[in-house]
């Protein structure tokens, strides 16, 4: 029976060593999982922050573009108004010139 007891004690010791090794490996895996989960949370937060920054940048760009489009429309309207005024001035100047030429011709006794 002494030999069986010795085998039992050796098996018991071997089992304890394997259990300790298993627990150490398990603890290492749990730490790696925990670390990976923590990194995932950090990455999600980082991505969330980047998404917010991107949305703010897009909103600012859209406002700037809309402002530029509004300015283009306003300036196009002003250009049209100025062009119309210039055309009116040109027509008025031509009429005055024709009247002046006609007056000069009449004074000279010529027909207009």
N, C-alpha and C. Protein backbone atom coordinates (compact mmCIF):
# COMPACT_ATOMS: atom_id res chain seq x y z
N UNK A 1 0.79 -1.19 0.00
CA UNK A 1 0.00 0.00 0.00
C UNK A 1 0.85 1.27 0.00
N UNK A 2 2.03 1.20 0.46
CA UNK A 2 2.91 2.34 0.48
C UNK A 2 3.20 2.85 -0.91
N UNK A 3 3.33 1.90 -1.83
CA UNK A 3 3.60 2.29 -3.21
C UNK A 3 2.38 2.97 -3.81
N UNK A 4 1.19 2.48 -3.52
CA UNK A 4 -0.04 3.09 -4.03
C UNK A 4 -0.21 4.49 -3.45
N UNK A 5 0.15 4.62 -2.19
CA UNK A 5 0.06 5.93 -1.55
C UNK A 5 1.05 6.88 -2.19
N UNK A 6 2.24 6.40 -2.48
CA UNK A 6 3.26 7.22 -3.12
C UNK A 6 2.81 7.62 -4.53
N UNK A 7 2.24 6.67 -5.29
CA UNK A 7 1.70 6.98 -6.63
C UNK A 7 0.57 8.00 -6.53
N UNK A 8 -0.26 7.81 -5.52
CA UNK A 8 -1.39 8.73 -5.33
C UNK A 8 -0.86 10.13 -5.03
N UNK A 9 0.13 10.23 -4.15
CA UNK A 9 0.70 11.52 -3.78
C UNK A 9 1.38 12.17 -5.00
N UNK A 10 2.07 11.36 -5.80
CA UNK A 10 2.71 11.89 -7.02
C UNK A 10 1.66 12.37 -8.02
N UNK A 11 0.59 11.57 -8.17
CA UNK A 11 -0.51 11.97 -9.07
C UNK A 11 -1.17 13.23 -8.57
N UNK A 12 -1.35 13.30 -7.25
CA UNK A 12 -1.97 14.47 -6.63
C UNK A 12 -1.09 15.71 -6.86
N UNK A 13 0.22 15.57 -6.70
CA UNK A 13 1.16 16.65 -6.92
C UNK A 13 1.17 17.07 -8.39
N UNK A 14 1.17 16.09 -9.28
CA UNK A 14 1.14 16.36 -10.72
C UNK A 14 -0.14 17.08 -11.10
N UNK A 15 -1.26 16.62 -10.52
CA UNK A 15 -2.55 17.26 -10.80
C UNK A 15 -2.54 18.70 -10.30
N UNK A 16 -1.98 18.94 -9.11
CA UNK A 16 -1.91 20.30 -8.56
C UNK A 16 -1.06 21.20 -9.46
N UNK A 17 0.05 20.67 -9.99
CA UNK A 17 0.90 21.44 -10.88
C UNK A 17 0.18 21.77 -12.19
N UNK A 18 -0.54 20.77 -12.72
CA UNK A 18 -1.31 21.00 -13.95
C UNK A 18 -2.42 22.02 -13.71
N UNK A 19 -3.07 21.91 -12.55
CA UNK A 19 -4.15 22.85 -12.23
C UNK A 19 -3.57 24.25 -12.09
N UNK A 20 -2.42 24.38 -11.43
CA UNK A 20 -1.77 25.68 -11.27
C UNK A 20 -1.39 26.26 -12.63
N UNK A 21 -0.84 25.41 -13.50
CA UNK A 21 -0.47 25.84 -14.84
C UNK A 21 -1.72 26.27 -15.62
N UNK A 22 -2.78 25.47 -15.52
CA UNK A 22 -4.04 25.80 -16.19
C UNK A 22 -4.58 27.12 -15.67
N UNK A 23 -4.59 27.30 -14.36
CA UNK A 23 -5.09 28.55 -13.78
C UNK A 23 -4.26 29.75 -14.22
N UNK A 24 -2.94 29.57 -14.29
CA UNK A 24 -2.06 30.65 -14.76
C UNK A 24 -2.36 30.99 -16.22
N UNK A 25 -2.50 29.97 -17.05
CA UNK A 25 -2.83 30.21 -18.46
C UNK A 25 -4.20 30.85 -18.58
N UNK A 26 -5.15 30.37 -17.78
CA UNK A 26 -6.51 30.92 -17.80
C UNK A 26 -6.48 32.39 -17.38
N UNK A 27 -5.72 32.68 -16.33
CA UNK A 27 -5.61 34.07 -15.86
C UNK A 27 -4.99 34.93 -16.95
N UNK A 28 -3.95 34.42 -17.62
CA UNK A 28 -3.33 35.15 -18.72
C UNK A 28 -4.31 35.42 -19.84
N UNK A 29 -5.11 34.41 -20.18
CA UNK A 29 -6.14 34.60 -21.22
C UNK A 29 -7.17 35.63 -20.78
N UNK A 30 -7.59 35.56 -19.54
CA UNK A 30 -8.56 36.53 -19.03
C UNK A 30 -8.00 37.95 -19.09
N UNK A 31 -6.72 38.10 -18.75
CA UNK A 31 -6.10 39.41 -18.83
C UNK A 31 -6.04 39.92 -20.27
N UNK A 32 -5.70 39.00 -21.19
CA UNK A 32 -5.66 39.40 -22.60
C UNK A 32 -7.04 39.79 -23.11
N UNK A 33 -8.06 39.02 -22.69
CA UNK A 33 -9.43 39.34 -23.10
C UNK A 33 -9.82 40.69 -22.51
N UNK A 34 -9.52 40.89 -21.25
CA UNK A 34 -9.84 42.15 -20.59
C UNK A 34 -9.13 43.30 -21.28
N UNK A 35 -7.86 43.11 -21.60
CA UNK A 35 -7.09 44.14 -22.29
C UNK A 35 -7.69 44.43 -23.67
N UNK A 36 -8.06 43.38 -24.38
CA UNK A 36 -8.66 43.55 -25.71
C UNK A 36 -10.00 44.29 -25.61
N UNK A 37 -10.78 43.95 -24.60
CA UNK A 37 -12.08 44.63 -24.41
C UNK A 37 -11.86 46.11 -24.09
N UNK A 38 -10.86 46.39 -23.27
CA UNK A 38 -10.55 47.78 -22.93
C UNK A 38 -10.10 48.55 -24.17
N UNK A 39 -9.26 47.92 -24.99
CA UNK A 39 -8.82 48.56 -26.23
C UNK A 39 -10.00 48.79 -27.17
N UNK A 40 -10.93 47.83 -27.20
CA UNK A 40 -12.11 47.98 -28.05
C UNK A 40 -12.94 49.18 -27.60
N UNK A 41 -13.12 49.32 -26.30
CA UNK A 41 -13.88 50.46 -25.77
C UNK A 41 -13.18 51.76 -26.14
N UNK A 42 -11.85 51.79 -26.00
CA UNK A 42 -11.09 52.99 -26.36
C UNK A 42 -11.21 53.30 -27.84
N UNK A 43 -11.13 52.28 -28.68
CA UNK A 43 -11.25 52.48 -30.12
C UNK A 43 -12.64 52.98 -30.49
N UNK A 44 -13.66 52.42 -29.83
CA UNK A 44 -15.03 52.89 -30.10
C UNK A 44 -15.17 54.36 -29.72
N UNK A 45 -14.61 54.74 -28.57
CA UNK A 45 -14.68 56.13 -28.14
C UNK A 45 -13.91 57.02 -29.11
N UNK A 46 -12.73 56.57 -29.52
CA UNK A 46 -11.92 57.33 -30.49
C UNK A 46 -12.69 57.52 -31.79
N UNK A 47 -13.29 56.44 -32.29
CA UNK A 47 -14.06 56.50 -33.54
C UNK A 47 -15.27 57.40 -33.38
N UNK A 48 -15.91 57.34 -32.23
CA UNK A 48 -17.06 58.20 -31.96
C UNK A 48 -16.64 59.67 -31.99
N UNK A 49 -15.51 59.96 -31.36
CA UNK A 49 -15.01 61.34 -31.36
C UNK A 49 -14.64 61.79 -32.77
N UNK A 50 -13.99 60.91 -33.53
CA UNK A 50 -13.63 61.25 -34.91
C UNK A 50 -14.87 61.48 -35.75
N UNK A 51 -15.91 60.67 -35.54
CA UNK A 51 -17.18 60.82 -36.27
C UNK A 51 -17.79 62.19 -35.96
N UNK A 52 -17.78 62.58 -34.68
CA UNK A 52 -18.33 63.88 -34.30
C UNK A 52 -17.53 65.01 -34.94
N UNK A 53 -16.19 64.88 -34.90
CA UNK A 53 -15.35 65.90 -35.53
C UNK A 53 -15.63 65.99 -37.03
N UNK A 54 -15.79 64.85 -37.67
CA UNK A 54 -16.07 64.81 -39.10
C UNK A 54 -17.42 65.48 -39.39
N UNK A 55 -18.41 65.18 -38.57
CA UNK A 55 -19.74 65.77 -38.78
C UNK A 55 -19.69 67.28 -38.61
N UNK A 56 -18.95 67.76 -37.60
CA UNK A 56 -18.80 69.21 -37.39
C UNK A 56 -18.09 69.84 -38.59
N UNK A 57 -17.04 69.19 -39.07
CA UNK A 57 -16.30 69.71 -40.23
C UNK A 57 -17.20 69.75 -41.46
N UNK A 58 -17.99 68.70 -41.66
CA UNK A 58 -18.90 68.67 -42.82
C UNK A 58 -19.96 69.76 -42.70
N UNK A 59 -20.48 69.94 -41.51
CA UNK A 59 -21.50 70.98 -41.31
C UNK A 59 -20.91 72.36 -41.59
N UNK A 60 -19.69 72.59 -41.10
CA UNK A 60 -19.04 73.88 -41.33
C UNK A 60 -18.80 74.08 -42.83
N UNK A 61 -18.32 73.04 -43.51
CA UNK A 61 -18.07 73.12 -44.95
C UNK A 61 -19.37 73.38 -45.71
N UNK A 62 -20.43 72.68 -45.31
CA UNK A 62 -21.72 72.89 -45.98
C UNK A 62 -22.21 74.32 -45.78
N UNK A 63 -22.03 74.87 -44.58
CA UNK A 63 -22.44 76.26 -44.33
C UNK A 63 -21.63 77.22 -45.19
N UNK A 64 -20.31 76.96 -45.27
CA UNK A 64 -19.45 77.82 -46.09
C UNK A 64 -19.85 77.74 -47.56
N UNK A 65 -20.12 76.53 -48.04
CA UNK A 65 -20.53 76.37 -49.44
C UNK A 65 -21.87 77.05 -49.69
N UNK A 66 -22.81 76.92 -48.75
CA UNK A 66 -24.11 77.56 -48.92
C UNK A 66 -23.95 79.07 -48.93
N UNK A 67 -23.08 79.57 -48.06
CA UNK A 67 -22.80 81.01 -48.02
C UNK A 67 -22.22 81.48 -49.35
N UNK A 68 -21.30 80.69 -49.91
CA UNK A 68 -20.72 81.04 -51.21
C UNK A 68 -21.76 80.98 -52.32
N UNK A 69 -22.64 79.97 -52.27
CA UNK A 69 -23.71 79.89 -53.28
C UNK A 69 -24.63 81.11 -53.17
N UNK A 70 -24.97 81.49 -51.93
CA UNK A 70 -25.82 82.66 -51.73
C UNK A 70 -25.14 83.92 -52.26
N UNK A 71 -23.82 84.04 -52.02
CA UNK A 71 -23.07 85.20 -52.52
C UNK A 71 -23.07 85.22 -54.04
N UNK A 72 -22.91 84.05 -54.65
CA UNK A 72 -22.92 83.97 -56.12
C UNK A 72 -24.27 84.42 -56.67
N UNK A 73 -25.34 83.95 -56.05
CA UNK A 73 -26.69 84.34 -56.50
C UNK A 73 -26.88 85.85 -56.34
N UNK A 74 -26.45 86.37 -55.17
CA UNK A 74 -26.60 87.81 -54.91
C UNK A 74 -25.77 88.61 -55.92
N UNK A 75 -24.53 88.20 -56.14
CA UNK A 75 -23.67 88.93 -57.08
C UNK A 75 -24.17 88.81 -58.52
N UNK A 76 -24.74 87.67 -58.86
CA UNK A 76 -25.32 87.52 -60.21
C UNK A 76 -26.48 88.49 -60.39
N UNK A 77 -27.28 88.64 -59.35
CA UNK A 77 -28.39 89.60 -59.40
C UNK A 77 -27.87 91.03 -59.54
N UNK A 78 -26.83 91.36 -58.77
CA UNK A 78 -26.25 92.70 -58.85
C UNK A 78 -25.65 92.94 -60.23
N UNK A 79 -24.98 91.91 -60.78
CA UNK A 79 -24.38 92.04 -62.11
C UNK A 79 -25.46 92.30 -63.14
N UNK A 80 -26.56 91.56 -63.04
CA UNK A 80 -27.67 91.74 -63.99
C UNK A 80 -28.22 93.16 -63.88
N UNK A 81 -28.39 93.63 -62.64
CA UNK A 81 -28.91 94.98 -62.43
C UNK A 81 -27.96 96.03 -63.02
N UNK A 82 -26.66 95.86 -62.76
CA UNK A 82 -25.67 96.81 -63.29
C UNK A 82 -25.63 96.74 -64.82
N UNK A 83 -25.72 95.55 -65.38
CA UNK A 83 -25.72 95.40 -66.84
C UNK A 83 -26.94 96.08 -67.44
N UNK A 84 -28.09 95.91 -66.79
CA UNK A 84 -29.31 96.56 -67.29
C UNK A 84 -29.19 98.08 -67.21
N UNK A 85 -28.62 98.58 -66.10
CA UNK A 85 -28.43 100.03 -65.97
C UNK A 85 -27.45 100.54 -67.01
N UNK A 86 -26.38 99.79 -67.27
CA UNK A 86 -25.41 100.20 -68.28
C UNK A 86 -26.05 100.23 -69.66
N UNK A 87 -26.89 99.25 -69.95
CA UNK A 87 -27.58 99.22 -71.24
C UNK A 87 -28.51 100.42 -71.37
N UNK A 88 -29.23 100.75 -70.30
CA UNK A 88 -30.12 101.91 -70.33
C UNK A 88 -29.32 103.19 -70.57
N UNK A 89 -28.16 103.30 -69.89
CA UNK A 89 -27.30 104.48 -70.07
C UNK A 89 -26.78 104.55 -71.51
N UNK A 90 -26.41 103.40 -72.07
CA UNK A 90 -25.91 103.36 -73.45
C UNK A 90 -27.00 103.82 -74.42
N UNK A 91 -28.21 103.31 -74.23
CA UNK A 91 -29.33 103.68 -75.10
C UNK A 91 -29.63 105.17 -74.97
N UNK A 92 -29.62 105.66 -73.71
CA UNK A 92 -29.89 107.09 -73.48
C UNK A 92 -28.80 107.94 -74.13
N UNK A 93 -27.56 107.51 -74.02
CA UNK A 93 -26.44 108.25 -74.63
C UNK A 93 -26.57 108.27 -76.15
N UNK A 94 -26.97 107.15 -76.75
CA UNK A 94 -27.15 107.09 -78.20
C UNK A 94 -28.25 108.06 -78.64
N UNK A 95 -29.34 108.11 -77.85
CA UNK A 95 -30.43 109.03 -78.21
C UNK A 95 -29.95 110.47 -78.16
N UNK A 96 -29.20 110.82 -77.09
CA UNK A 96 -28.68 112.18 -76.97
C UNK A 96 -27.74 112.50 -78.12
N UNK A 97 -26.92 111.54 -78.47
CA UNK A 97 -25.96 111.74 -79.55
C UNK A 97 -26.69 111.97 -80.86
N UNK A 98 -27.75 111.16 -81.11
CA UNK A 98 -28.52 111.33 -82.35
C UNK A 98 -29.18 112.71 -82.39
N UNK A 99 -29.71 113.14 -81.24
CA UNK A 99 -30.35 114.47 -81.19
C UNK A 99 -29.33 115.56 -81.46
N UNK A 100 -28.13 115.39 -80.85
CA UNK A 100 -27.08 116.39 -81.06
C UNK A 100 -26.66 116.43 -82.53
N UNK A 101 -26.49 115.28 -83.13
CA UNK A 101 -26.10 115.21 -84.54
C UNK A 101 -27.20 115.82 -85.40
N UNK A 102 -28.43 115.52 -85.04
CA UNK A 102 -29.56 116.03 -85.81
C UNK A 102 -29.63 117.57 -85.71
N UNK A 103 -29.38 118.10 -84.51
CA UNK A 103 -29.36 119.55 -84.32
C UNK A 103 -28.27 120.21 -85.16
N UNK A 104 -27.10 119.58 -85.18
CA UNK A 104 -25.99 120.12 -85.96
C UNK A 104 -26.35 120.11 -87.45
N UNK A 105 -26.98 119.06 -87.91
CA UNK A 105 -27.35 118.96 -89.31
C UNK A 105 -28.45 119.99 -89.65
N UNK A 106 -29.36 120.19 -88.74
CA UNK A 106 -30.44 121.16 -89.00
C UNK A 106 -29.87 122.58 -89.09
N UNK A 107 -28.94 122.87 -88.21
CA UNK A 107 -28.33 124.20 -88.22
C UNK A 107 -27.57 124.41 -89.53
N UNK A 108 -27.04 123.30 -90.03
CA UNK A 108 -26.31 123.40 -91.29
C UNK A 108 -27.26 123.35 -92.48
N UNK A 109 -28.56 123.16 -92.20
CA UNK A 109 -29.54 123.13 -93.28
C UNK A 109 -29.68 121.76 -93.90
N UNK A 110 -29.20 120.78 -93.25
CA UNK A 110 -29.30 119.40 -93.79
C UNK A 110 -30.43 118.65 -93.09
N UNK A 111 -30.89 117.57 -93.71
CA UNK A 111 -31.95 116.74 -93.11
C UNK A 111 -31.32 115.73 -92.17
N UNK A 112 -32.09 115.33 -91.15
CA UNK A 112 -31.59 114.36 -90.17
C UNK A 112 -31.73 112.96 -90.66
